[in-house]
Amino acid sequence: MLPAMVDLPDRTRAVVARLEATRGFPAVGAHIAEINRLVAEPSTSASRLANAVCRDFALTTRLLRLVNSAWYRQVREPVATVSRAVVLLGFERVRAIAANLILFDHLQTGPGRTALADHALSALTASLVARALSGDADSVEAGEAALAAMFHRLGDALVALLPDLSDAIDATPGDREAAEVEVLGVTAGALGQIVARRWGFPAVLVDAMPRLPPGPVWPPHDRASWLRVVGGFGHAVAEGLVDEAAMSRLLGRFGDALDLDAPRLERLLRTIGREV
């Protein structure tokens, strides 16, 4: 259970306050929270969700461009409206794409924009990996996995918005997470969880955000732990996508947890390599 804001270290509350004072950040949070609320409501229609996305013309344009790209293209005819995208892709996948674009597009005009661009590409790649691992790529479960993978490193992206704190973490010797706690009051993963909860992400996705410990990963025991493993694997693939030597490392770390062998991993990497 994450602590309430009043129970957080003073340093962490100061970091959250700085984030919320960042240009565009309050609007980003409000827009993502609205989309999360609509997805959570059983009565929400495709057109109602589409209307929430379409309030931002730039977001609408970027989302349709991405939906019509090789990454998400499912039909021969171009998808011309967000409502049609919702029908074709489902609520969870549209939420994943929209939330990613809202976060990274709206915040790339400020400090840390280069690092944010790298995070955005890794997040999209990780979401593709998660979807591919989920069996039926069009299922609600696959959409949930894609969203979990996309925001698995949300905390790292948030830290990138505050370059002085990012630099301070990099300059602190020793363990990375210990350095994050020293600078932020919590780990970057916990910071991501705090913000994600404030934005209305489902608890199962918030629980999937912490980084995996080093070494071989244990098989997951519930949905949240599976989403966490898939998110970690997706980002590991994104970071070593063009490195063939990474295959043995991926198998050694994730093979047992995700029931992966060399042929299956090769097929997965070929598929993702064609789409990225």
Protein backbone atom coordinates (compact mmCIF):
# COMPACT_ATOMS: atom_id res chain seq x y z
CA MET A 1 0.00 0.00 0.00
CA LEU A 2 1.41 3.37 -1.01
CA PRO A 3 1.46 6.07 1.67
CA ALA A 4 -0.80 9.10 1.40
CA MET A 5 0.83 12.38 0.43
CA VAL A 6 0.81 13.57 4.06
CA ASP A 7 2.81 10.48 5.07
CA LEU A 8 5.53 10.95 2.46
CA PRO A 9 8.98 12.32 3.29
CA ASP A 10 9.22 16.11 3.00
CA ARG A 11 11.69 15.67 0.14
CA THR A 12 9.21 13.57 -1.83
CA ARG A 13 6.35 16.01 -1.31
CA ALA A 14 8.64 18.78 -2.53
CA VAL A 15 9.47 16.75 -5.66
CA VAL A 16 5.78 16.13 -6.40
CA ALA A 17 5.08 19.85 -5.88
CA ARG A 18 7.86 20.73 -8.33
CA LEU A 19 6.46 18.31 -10.90
CA GLU A 20 2.99 19.78 -10.56
CA ALA A 21 4.43 23.25 -11.06
CA THR A 22 6.14 22.15 -14.29
CA ARG A 23 4.66 23.79 -17.36
CA GLY A 24 1.88 21.65 -18.79
CA PHE A 25 2.02 19.03 -16.04
CA PRO A 26 -1.33 19.83 -14.34
CA ALA A 27 -3.13 19.69 -17.70
CA VAL A 28 -1.40 16.40 -18.52
CA GLY A 29 -2.49 14.90 -15.20
CA ALA A 30 -6.07 16.11 -15.56
CA HIS A 31 -6.38 14.76 -19.11
CA ILE A 32 -4.94 11.34 -18.23
CA ALA A 33 -7.13 11.16 -15.11
CA GLU A 34 -10.23 11.92 -17.20
CA ILE A 35 -9.40 9.15 -19.69
CA ASN A 36 -8.73 6.70 -16.84
CA ARG A 37 -12.06 7.59 -15.23
CA LEU A 38 -13.95 7.02 -18.47
CA VAL A 39 -12.26 3.67 -19.15
CA ALA A 40 -13.16 2.54 -15.61
CA GLU A 41 -16.87 3.38 -16.08
CA PRO A 42 -18.82 0.42 -17.55
CA SER A 43 -21.31 2.78 -19.21
CA THR A 44 -18.69 4.71 -21.21
CA SER A 45 -19.24 4.49 -24.97
CA ALA A 46 -16.60 4.55 -27.69
CA SER A 47 -17.76 8.00 -28.77
CA ARG A 48 -17.55 9.37 -25.22
CA LEU A 49 -13.96 8.16 -24.81
CA ALA A 50 -13.12 9.49 -28.27
CA ASN A 51 -14.54 12.90 -27.33
CA ALA A 52 -12.24 13.05 -24.30
CA VAL A 53 -9.24 12.33 -26.53
CA CYS A 54 -10.35 14.72 -29.26
CA ARG A 55 -10.38 17.76 -26.98
CA ASP A 56 -6.70 18.05 -27.93
CA PHE A 57 -6.30 18.42 -31.70
CA ALA A 58 -2.57 17.66 -31.65
CA LEU A 59 -3.20 14.50 -29.61
CA THR A 60 -5.92 13.41 -32.04
CA THR A 61 -3.60 13.87 -35.01
CA ARG A 62 -0.72 12.00 -33.40
CA LEU A 63 -2.94 9.17 -32.17
CA LEU A 64 -4.46 8.59 -35.61
CA ARG A 65 -1.02 8.71 -37.20
CA LEU A 66 0.23 6.06 -34.77
CA VAL A 67 -2.88 3.89 -35.15
CA ASN A 68 -2.39 3.93 -38.93
CA SER A 69 1.31 3.07 -38.67
CA ALA A 70 2.74 -0.43 -39.02
CA TRP A 71 2.81 -0.69 -35.23
CA TYR A 72 -0.98 -0.82 -34.85
CA ARG A 73 -2.46 -1.11 -38.36
CA GLN A 74 -5.10 -3.87 -38.33
CA VAL A 75 -7.16 -3.10 -41.43
CA ARG A 76 -6.32 -2.00 -44.95
CA GLU A 77 -8.47 1.10 -44.87
CA PRO A 78 -7.03 4.08 -42.99
CA VAL A 79 -8.60 4.78 -39.60
CA ALA A 80 -9.98 8.31 -39.93
CA THR A 81 -11.59 8.91 -36.53
CA VAL A 82 -10.72 8.26 -32.91
CA SER A 83 -14.11 6.57 -32.41
CA ARG A 84 -13.16 4.04 -35.08
CA ALA A 85 -9.78 3.56 -33.41
CA VAL A 86 -11.54 2.81 -30.11
CA VAL A 87 -13.78 0.23 -31.80
CA LEU A 88 -10.86 -1.45 -33.57
CA LEU A 89 -8.27 -1.36 -30.80
CA GLY A 90 -10.39 -1.38 -27.66
CA PHE A 91 -10.49 0.95 -24.67
CA GLU A 92 -7.31 -0.33 -23.00
CA ARG A 93 -5.06 0.07 -26.03
CA VAL A 94 -6.42 3.51 -26.91
CA ARG A 95 -5.92 4.53 -23.28
CA ALA A 96 -2.31 3.26 -23.44
CA ILE A 97 -1.54 5.14 -26.66
CA ALA A 98 -3.33 8.33 -25.59
CA ALA A 99 -1.78 8.43 -22.12
CA ASN A 100 1.70 7.93 -23.56
CA LEU A 101 1.23 10.67 -26.16
CA ILE A 102 -0.31 13.07 -23.63
CA LEU A 103 2.56 12.62 -21.21
CA PHE A 104 5.51 12.70 -23.56
CA ASP A 105 4.26 15.08 -26.26
CA HIS A 106 3.04 17.79 -23.91
CA LEU A 107 6.15 17.76 -21.75
CA GLN A 108 8.85 17.64 -24.44
CA THR A 109 9.09 21.42 -24.72
CA GLY A 110 10.78 21.79 -21.34
CA PRO A 111 13.96 20.60 -19.66
CA GLY A 112 14.82 16.94 -20.04
CA ARG A 113 13.08 16.67 -23.42
CA THR A 114 15.86 14.55 -24.99
CA ALA A 115 15.65 12.02 -22.17
CA LEU A 116 11.85 12.08 -22.41
CA ALA A 117 12.01 11.26 -26.12
CA ASP A 118 14.13 8.20 -25.28
CA HIS A 119 11.64 7.19 -22.59
CA ALA A 120 8.74 7.57 -25.04
CA LEU A 121 10.33 5.25 -27.61
CA SER A 122 11.24 2.68 -24.96
CA ALA A 123 7.71 2.83 -23.55
CA LEU A 124 6.07 2.26 -26.93
CA THR A 125 8.45 -0.61 -27.73
CA ALA A 126 7.83 -2.19 -24.32
CA SER A 127 4.08 -1.98 -24.92
CA LEU A 128 4.45 -3.87 -28.21
CA VAL A 129 6.45 -6.59 -26.47
CA ALA A 130 3.84 -6.87 -23.72
CA ARG A 131 1.04 -7.16 -26.25
CA ALA A 132 2.92 -9.84 -28.18
CA LEU A 133 3.44 -11.85 -24.97
CA SER A 134 -0.25 -11.73 -24.08
CA GLY A 135 -1.50 -14.30 -26.56
CA ASP A 136 -4.58 -12.68 -28.09
CA ALA A 137 -3.21 -9.24 -29.00
CA ASP A 138 -6.74 -7.81 -29.27
CA SER A 139 -7.89 -8.87 -25.79
CA VAL A 140 -8.52 -6.62 -22.80
CA GLU A 141 -5.66 -8.43 -21.04
CA ALA A 142 -3.27 -7.54 -23.85
CA GLY A 143 -4.32 -3.91 -23.64
CA GLU A 144 -3.77 -3.92 -19.89
CA ALA A 145 -0.32 -5.48 -20.38
CA ALA A 146 0.57 -2.86 -22.99
CA LEU A 147 -0.45 -0.05 -20.64
CA ALA A 148 1.48 -1.57 -17.71
CA ALA A 149 4.62 -1.93 -19.83
CA MET A 150 4.26 1.56 -21.25
CA PHE A 151 4.20 3.11 -17.77
CA HIS A 152 6.52 0.65 -16.01
CA ARG A 153 9.24 3.32 -16.02
CA LEU A 154 6.99 6.33 -15.39
CA GLY A 155 9.11 7.35 -12.42
CA ASP A 156 12.26 7.56 -14.55
CA ALA A 157 10.41 9.77 -17.04
CA LEU A 158 9.22 12.04 -14.23
CA VAL A 159 12.75 12.39 -12.86
CA ALA A 160 13.90 13.40 -16.36
CA LEU A 161 11.59 16.42 -16.06
CA LEU A 162 13.80 17.70 -13.22
CA PRO A 163 17.34 17.59 -14.67
CA ASP A 164 19.00 18.89 -11.50
CA LEU A 165 17.62 15.96 -9.52
CA SER A 166 18.45 13.52 -12.31
CA ASP A 167 22.03 14.80 -12.33
CA ALA A 168 22.23 14.55 -8.54
CA ILE A 169 21.13 10.90 -8.69
CA ASP A 170 23.69 10.14 -11.40
CA ALA A 171 26.42 11.81 -9.36
CA THR A 172 25.65 9.85 -6.18
CA PRO A 173 27.98 6.85 -5.87
CA GLY A 174 26.74 3.38 -5.06
CA ASP A 175 23.42 1.67 -5.63
CA ARG A 176 21.05 3.46 -8.01
CA GLU A 177 17.92 3.03 -5.92
CA ALA A 178 19.73 4.16 -2.77
CA ALA A 179 20.79 7.29 -4.66
CA GLU A 180 17.18 7.90 -5.71
CA VAL A 181 15.99 7.63 -2.11
CA GLU A 182 18.70 10.05 -1.00
CA VAL A 183 17.69 12.64 -3.61
CA LEU A 184 13.93 12.05 -3.98
CA GLY A 185 13.01 10.59 -0.61
CA VAL A 186 11.71 7.47 -2.43
CA THR A 187 12.82 5.40 -5.40
CA ALA A 188 11.94 6.61 -8.89
CA GLY A 189 9.62 3.62 -9.19
CA ALA A 190 7.74 4.67 -6.06
CA LEU A 191 7.54 8.25 -7.37
CA GLY A 192 5.93 6.89 -10.53
CA GLN A 193 3.43 4.96 -8.42
CA ILE A 194 2.54 8.05 -6.39
CA VAL A 195 1.82 10.10 -9.52
CA ALA A 196 0.04 7.23 -11.31
CA ARG A 197 -2.29 6.79 -8.35
CA ARG A 198 -3.05 10.53 -8.38
CA TRP A 199 -3.85 10.21 -12.09
CA GLY A 200 -6.36 7.43 -11.47
CA PHE A 201 -4.52 4.44 -12.91
CA PRO A 202 -5.96 1.09 -11.72
CA ALA A 203 -4.32 -0.39 -8.62
CA VAL A 204 -3.14 -3.48 -10.52
CA LEU A 205 -1.14 -1.25 -12.89
CA VAL A 206 0.24 0.90 -10.07
CA ASP A 207 1.38 -2.27 -8.28
CA ALA A 208 3.19 -3.38 -11.45
CA MET A 209 5.43 -0.30 -11.62
CA PRO A 210 8.34 -1.06 -9.24
CA ARG A 211 11.57 -2.13 -10.91
CA LEU A 212 12.39 -5.82 -10.80
CA PRO A 213 15.31 -6.85 -8.57
CA PRO A 214 18.54 -7.81 -10.34
CA GLY A 215 19.20 -11.39 -11.39
CA PRO A 216 16.87 -14.13 -12.65
CA VAL A 217 13.19 -13.25 -12.26
CA TRP A 218 10.86 -15.59 -10.38
CA PRO A 219 7.66 -16.76 -12.11
CA PRO A 220 4.83 -14.32 -11.29
CA HIS A 221 2.22 -15.39 -8.74
CA ASP A 222 -0.64 -13.01 -9.61
CA ARG A 223 -1.78 -10.55 -12.27
CA ALA A 224 0.10 -7.56 -10.87
CA SER A 225 3.37 -9.48 -10.60
CA TRP A 226 2.91 -10.81 -14.15
CA LEU A 227 2.36 -7.28 -15.43
CA ARG A 228 5.46 -6.17 -13.54
CA VAL A 229 7.57 -8.94 -15.12
CA VAL A 230 6.19 -8.17 -18.59
CA GLY A 231 6.92 -4.48 -18.10
CA GLY A 232 10.48 -5.19 -17.03
CA PHE A 233 11.00 -7.58 -19.93
CA GLY A 234 9.53 -5.11 -22.42
CA HIS A 235 11.95 -2.40 -21.37
CA ALA A 236 14.87 -4.84 -21.35
CA VAL A 237 14.04 -5.69 -24.96
CA ALA A 238 13.70 -2.00 -25.84
CA GLU A 239 17.12 -1.24 -24.39
CA GLY A 240 18.89 -4.07 -26.22
CA LEU A 241 16.77 -4.44 -29.34
CA VAL A 242 19.64 -4.40 -31.86
CA ASP A 243 22.10 -6.30 -29.67
CA GLU A 244 22.11 -10.00 -30.57
CA ALA A 245 24.20 -10.81 -27.50
CA ALA A 246 21.26 -9.59 -25.40
CA MET A 247 19.29 -12.76 -26.21
CA SER A 248 21.19 -14.99 -23.79
CA ARG A 249 20.93 -12.35 -21.08
CA LEU A 250 17.19 -12.01 -21.65
CA LEU A 251 16.69 -15.78 -21.48
CA GLY A 252 18.81 -16.07 -18.36
CA ARG A 253 16.86 -13.33 -16.62
CA PHE A 254 13.29 -13.82 -17.89
CA GLY A 255 13.15 -17.31 -19.43
CA ASP A 256 11.64 -19.12 -16.43
CA ALA A 257 9.31 -16.29 -15.43
CA LEU A 258 7.77 -15.94 -18.91
CA ASP A 259 8.22 -19.53 -20.14
CA LEU A 260 10.54 -18.35 -22.91
CA ASP A 261 12.96 -20.50 -24.87
CA ALA A 262 15.39 -19.43 -27.59
CA PRO A 263 13.08 -20.10 -30.61
CA ARG A 264 10.16 -18.23 -29.05
CA LEU A 265 12.37 -15.31 -28.07
CA GLU A 266 13.84 -15.15 -31.58
CA ARG A 267 10.35 -15.04 -33.12
CA LEU A 268 9.30 -12.34 -30.68
CA LEU A 269 12.37 -10.19 -31.37
CA ARG A 270 11.92 -10.56 -35.14
CA THR A 271 8.29 -9.47 -34.86
CA ILE A 272 9.11 -6.46 -32.70
CA GLY A 273 12.10 -5.56 -34.88
CA ARG A 274 9.84 -5.32 -37.93
CA GLU A 275 7.37 -3.08 -36.12
CA VAL A 276 9.76 -0.63 -34.47
